[in-house]
Amino acid sequence: MDVETLQNRLENEEITLLDVRELDEYEGGHIEGVVNAPLSSLNETKLPYAKDEPIYIICRSGNRSAQAAELLQDRGYTEIYDVSGGMIAWEQK
């Protein structure tokens, strides 16, 4: 999913957006309303979301969010959306 689509959804819907960057990166700037769930601990984290709930994932550039999306799909989550370009693309919009 591109950042324009994400921006549109954030403006028009209530969505679950996970930022999988590490805490220091997250604290350096993040999207309002996002939940920080670092990739390094995501496998051990019990998420409070239904397996069929849409979950959007962002990181710095798109690499970690792709890994997180795969991890969540392996855990049975069915509606996972990886934000292409990550925060780098978000900040350029």
N, C-alpha and C. Protein backbone atom coordinates (compact mmCIF):
# COMPACT_ATOMS: atom_id res chain seq x y z
N MET A 1 0.84 -1.16 0.00
CA MET A 1 0.00 0.00 0.00
C MET A 1 0.90 1.24 0.00
N ASP A 2 0.55 2.24 -0.79
CA ASP A 2 1.35 3.46 -0.81
C ASP A 2 0.89 4.43 0.28
N VAL A 3 1.73 5.43 0.56
CA VAL A 3 1.43 6.34 1.67
C VAL A 3 0.20 7.21 1.39
N GLU A 4 -0.08 7.51 0.14
CA GLU A 4 -1.28 8.29 -0.18
C GLU A 4 -2.54 7.54 0.22
N THR A 5 -2.58 6.25 -0.05
CA THR A 5 -3.73 5.43 0.34
C THR A 5 -3.83 5.38 1.86
N LEU A 6 -2.69 5.22 2.54
CA LEU A 6 -2.70 5.22 4.01
C LEU A 6 -3.22 6.54 4.55
N GLN A 7 -2.76 7.65 4.01
CA GLN A 7 -3.22 8.97 4.46
C GLN A 7 -4.73 9.09 4.29
N ASN A 8 -5.24 8.64 3.17
CA ASN A 8 -6.68 8.68 2.91
C ASN A 8 -7.43 7.86 3.95
N ARG A 9 -6.95 6.66 4.23
CA ARG A 9 -7.63 5.81 5.22
C ARG A 9 -7.56 6.42 6.61
N LEU A 10 -6.43 7.01 6.98
CA LEU A 10 -6.31 7.65 8.29
C LEU A 10 -7.29 8.82 8.44
N GLU A 11 -7.53 9.53 7.35
CA GLU A 11 -8.44 10.66 7.37
C GLU A 11 -9.90 10.23 7.41
N ASN A 12 -10.21 9.06 6.86
CA ASN A 12 -11.61 8.67 6.68
C ASN A 12 -12.07 7.46 7.46
N GLU A 13 -11.16 6.76 8.11
CA GLU A 13 -11.51 5.53 8.83
C GLU A 13 -10.72 5.46 10.13
N GLU A 14 -11.19 4.63 11.04
CA GLU A 14 -10.38 4.29 12.21
C GLU A 14 -9.65 3.01 11.87
N ILE A 15 -8.32 3.10 11.82
CA ILE A 15 -7.54 1.93 11.43
C ILE A 15 -6.50 1.60 12.50
N THR A 16 -6.00 0.38 12.45
CA THR A 16 -4.90 -0.04 13.31
C THR A 16 -3.62 0.07 12.51
N LEU A 17 -2.73 0.94 12.98
CA LEU A 17 -1.45 1.16 12.31
C LEU A 17 -0.33 0.85 13.29
N LEU A 18 0.49 -0.13 12.94
CA LEU A 18 1.64 -0.50 13.76
C LEU A 18 2.91 0.09 13.17
N ASP A 19 3.72 0.72 14.01
CA ASP A 19 5.04 1.22 13.63
C ASP A 19 6.04 0.23 14.22
N VAL A 20 6.74 -0.50 13.37
CA VAL A 20 7.62 -1.57 13.85
C VAL A 20 9.07 -1.12 14.00
N ARG A 21 9.30 0.19 14.02
CA ARG A 21 10.64 0.70 14.29
C ARG A 21 10.95 0.56 15.78
N GLU A 22 12.22 0.64 16.12
CA GLU A 22 12.62 0.60 17.52
C GLU A 22 12.15 1.88 18.22
N LEU A 23 12.05 1.81 19.55
CA LEU A 23 11.49 2.90 20.34
C LEU A 23 12.20 4.22 20.10
N ASP A 24 13.53 4.23 20.00
CA ASP A 24 14.25 5.49 19.79
C ASP A 24 13.89 6.11 18.44
N GLU A 25 13.69 5.29 17.42
CA GLU A 25 13.28 5.80 16.11
C GLU A 25 11.86 6.36 16.19
N TYR A 26 10.99 5.62 16.84
CA TYR A 26 9.59 6.01 17.02
C TYR A 26 9.50 7.35 17.75
N GLU A 27 10.28 7.48 18.83
CA GLU A 27 10.26 8.71 19.62
C GLU A 27 10.81 9.89 18.84
N GLY A 28 11.60 9.63 17.81
CA GLY A 28 12.14 10.68 16.97
C GLY A 28 11.12 11.28 16.02
N GLY A 29 9.94 10.69 15.95
CA GLY A 29 8.86 11.18 15.10
C GLY A 29 8.03 10.04 14.58
N HIS A 30 6.72 10.19 14.71
CA HIS A 30 5.81 9.12 14.27
C HIS A 30 4.47 9.71 13.87
N ILE A 31 3.66 8.89 13.25
CA ILE A 31 2.33 9.28 12.82
C ILE A 31 1.41 9.27 14.03
N GLU A 32 0.59 10.30 14.16
CA GLU A 32 -0.33 10.39 15.29
C GLU A 32 -1.28 9.19 15.31
N GLY A 33 -1.41 8.59 16.49
CA GLY A 33 -2.33 7.47 16.66
C GLY A 33 -1.75 6.10 16.37
N VAL A 34 -0.50 6.05 15.92
CA VAL A 34 0.14 4.78 15.61
C VAL A 34 0.54 4.05 16.89
N VAL A 35 0.60 2.73 16.83
CA VAL A 35 1.02 1.90 17.95
C VAL A 35 2.44 1.42 17.67
N ASN A 36 3.37 1.67 18.61
CA ASN A 36 4.74 1.20 18.44
C ASN A 36 4.83 -0.26 18.86
N ALA A 37 5.25 -1.11 17.95
CA ALA A 37 5.43 -2.55 18.20
C ALA A 37 6.70 -2.97 17.47
N PRO A 38 7.88 -2.73 18.09
CA PRO A 38 9.15 -3.00 17.41
C PRO A 38 9.25 -4.42 16.86
N LEU A 39 9.78 -4.52 15.65
CA LEU A 39 9.95 -5.82 15.02
C LEU A 39 10.78 -6.75 15.90
N SER A 40 11.77 -6.20 16.60
CA SER A 40 12.66 -7.03 17.42
C SER A 40 11.93 -7.80 18.52
N SER A 41 10.76 -7.31 18.93
CA SER A 41 10.00 -8.00 19.98
C SER A 41 8.60 -8.41 19.52
N LEU A 42 8.30 -8.21 18.25
CA LEU A 42 6.95 -8.48 17.74
C LEU A 42 6.56 -9.95 17.87
N ASN A 43 7.51 -10.84 17.70
CA ASN A 43 7.19 -12.26 17.78
C ASN A 43 6.71 -12.67 19.16
N GLU A 44 7.21 -11.98 20.21
CA GLU A 44 6.82 -12.30 21.58
C GLU A 44 5.62 -11.47 22.05
N THR A 45 5.21 -10.49 21.25
CA THR A 45 4.13 -9.60 21.65
C THR A 45 2.77 -10.19 21.32
N LYS A 46 1.89 -10.23 22.32
CA LYS A 46 0.51 -10.66 22.08
C LYS A 46 -0.29 -9.43 21.65
N LEU A 47 -0.76 -9.45 20.43
CA LEU A 47 -1.50 -8.30 19.91
C LEU A 47 -2.98 -8.42 20.26
N PRO A 48 -3.61 -7.30 20.63
CA PRO A 48 -5.02 -7.33 21.04
C PRO A 48 -6.00 -7.21 19.87
N TYR A 49 -5.61 -7.65 18.70
CA TYR A 49 -6.43 -7.48 17.51
C TYR A 49 -6.96 -8.83 17.03
N ALA A 50 -8.17 -8.79 16.46
CA ALA A 50 -8.74 -10.00 15.87
C ALA A 50 -7.91 -10.41 14.66
N LYS A 51 -7.86 -11.70 14.40
CA LYS A 51 -7.05 -12.22 13.29
C LYS A 51 -7.51 -11.71 11.93
N ASP A 52 -8.80 -11.31 11.83
CA ASP A 52 -9.32 -10.81 10.55
C ASP A 52 -9.46 -9.29 10.52
N GLU A 53 -8.94 -8.61 11.54
CA GLU A 53 -8.97 -7.14 11.57
C GLU A 53 -7.87 -6.60 10.67
N PRO A 54 -8.17 -5.57 9.87
CA PRO A 54 -7.11 -4.97 9.04
C PRO A 54 -6.03 -4.34 9.92
N ILE A 55 -4.78 -4.65 9.63
CA ILE A 55 -3.65 -4.08 10.34
C ILE A 55 -2.69 -3.52 9.30
N TYR A 56 -2.34 -2.25 9.46
CA TYR A 56 -1.42 -1.56 8.58
C TYR A 56 -0.08 -1.48 9.29
N ILE A 57 1.01 -1.69 8.56
CA ILE A 57 2.34 -1.74 9.18
C ILE A 57 3.28 -0.79 8.46
N ILE A 58 4.01 0.00 9.26
CA ILE A 58 4.97 0.94 8.70
C ILE A 58 6.28 0.84 9.47
N CYS A 59 7.38 1.17 8.79
CA CYS A 59 8.70 1.23 9.43
C CYS A 59 9.42 2.45 8.83
N ARG A 60 10.74 2.43 8.80
CA ARG A 60 11.47 3.57 8.24
C ARG A 60 11.42 3.58 6.72
N SER A 61 11.73 2.42 6.10
CA SER A 61 11.84 2.39 4.64
C SER A 61 10.98 1.34 3.95
N GLY A 62 10.46 0.40 4.71
CA GLY A 62 9.64 -0.66 4.13
C GLY A 62 10.18 -2.06 4.34
N ASN A 63 11.44 -2.19 4.73
CA ASN A 63 12.03 -3.52 4.91
C ASN A 63 11.48 -4.23 6.13
N ARG A 64 11.52 -3.57 7.29
CA ARG A 64 11.04 -4.22 8.51
C ARG A 64 9.53 -4.43 8.49
N SER A 65 8.80 -3.53 7.85
CA SER A 65 7.35 -3.71 7.79
C SER A 65 7.00 -4.94 6.96
N ALA A 66 7.78 -5.20 5.91
CA ALA A 66 7.55 -6.41 5.11
C ALA A 66 7.81 -7.66 5.94
N GLN A 67 8.87 -7.63 6.75
CA GLN A 67 9.17 -8.76 7.64
C GLN A 67 8.07 -8.94 8.67
N ALA A 68 7.59 -7.82 9.23
CA ALA A 68 6.52 -7.88 10.23
C ALA A 68 5.23 -8.42 9.61
N ALA A 69 4.94 -8.00 8.39
CA ALA A 69 3.73 -8.49 7.70
C ALA A 69 3.79 -10.00 7.53
N GLU A 70 4.94 -10.50 7.13
CA GLU A 70 5.11 -11.95 6.96
C GLU A 70 4.96 -12.67 8.30
N LEU A 71 5.55 -12.11 9.35
CA LEU A 71 5.45 -12.71 10.68
C LEU A 71 3.99 -12.79 11.14
N LEU A 72 3.24 -11.69 10.96
CA LEU A 72 1.84 -11.68 11.38
C LEU A 72 0.99 -12.63 10.54
N GLN A 73 1.28 -12.72 9.26
CA GLN A 73 0.56 -13.68 8.42
C GLN A 73 0.83 -15.11 8.89
N ASP A 74 2.08 -15.38 9.27
CA ASP A 74 2.42 -16.71 9.80
C ASP A 74 1.69 -16.99 11.10
N ARG A 75 1.33 -15.93 11.85
CA ARG A 75 0.59 -16.08 13.10
C ARG A 75 -0.92 -16.12 12.88
N GLY A 76 -1.35 -16.07 11.63
CA GLY A 76 -2.77 -16.24 11.32
C GLY A 76 -3.55 -14.97 11.05
N TYR A 77 -2.88 -13.81 11.03
CA TYR A 77 -3.57 -12.57 10.69
C TYR A 77 -3.78 -12.54 9.18
N THR A 78 -4.99 -12.18 8.77
CA THR A 78 -5.34 -12.32 7.35
C THR A 78 -5.41 -11.02 6.57
N GLU A 79 -5.55 -9.89 7.26
CA GLU A 79 -5.64 -8.60 6.55
C GLU A 79 -4.51 -7.70 6.98
N ILE A 80 -3.34 -7.92 6.38
CA ILE A 80 -2.13 -7.18 6.71
C ILE A 80 -1.76 -6.31 5.51
N TYR A 81 -1.50 -5.03 5.78
CA TYR A 81 -1.14 -4.09 4.73
C TYR A 81 0.21 -3.46 5.06
N ASP A 82 1.18 -3.69 4.21
CA ASP A 82 2.54 -3.17 4.37
C ASP A 82 2.61 -1.83 3.63
N VAL A 83 3.03 -0.78 4.34
CA VAL A 83 3.10 0.56 3.74
C VAL A 83 4.44 0.70 3.00
N SER A 84 4.37 0.81 1.69
CA SER A 84 5.57 0.93 0.84
C SER A 84 6.31 2.23 1.12
N GLY A 85 7.62 2.12 1.25
CA GLY A 85 8.45 3.32 1.43
C GLY A 85 8.54 3.80 2.86
N GLY A 86 7.68 3.32 3.73
CA GLY A 86 7.74 3.63 5.15
C GLY A 86 7.68 5.11 5.49
N MET A 87 8.29 5.46 6.61
CA MET A 87 8.27 6.84 7.09
C MET A 87 9.03 7.77 6.15
N ILE A 88 10.00 7.24 5.43
CA ILE A 88 10.71 8.08 4.46
C ILE A 88 9.72 8.61 3.43
N ALA A 89 8.90 7.73 2.88
CA ALA A 89 7.89 8.14 1.90
C ALA A 89 6.83 9.03 2.56
N TRP A 90 6.44 8.71 3.79
CA TRP A 90 5.43 9.50 4.51
C TRP A 90 5.90 10.94 4.67
N GLU A 91 7.15 11.12 5.08
CA GLU A 91 7.68 12.46 5.32
C GLU A 91 7.84 13.26 4.03
N GLN A 92 7.93 12.59 2.89
CA GLN A 92 8.06 13.27 1.61
C GLN A 92 6.72 13.73 1.06
N LYS A 93 5.61 13.26 1.66
CA LYS A 93 4.27 13.63 1.17
C LYS A 93 3.78 14.90 1.79
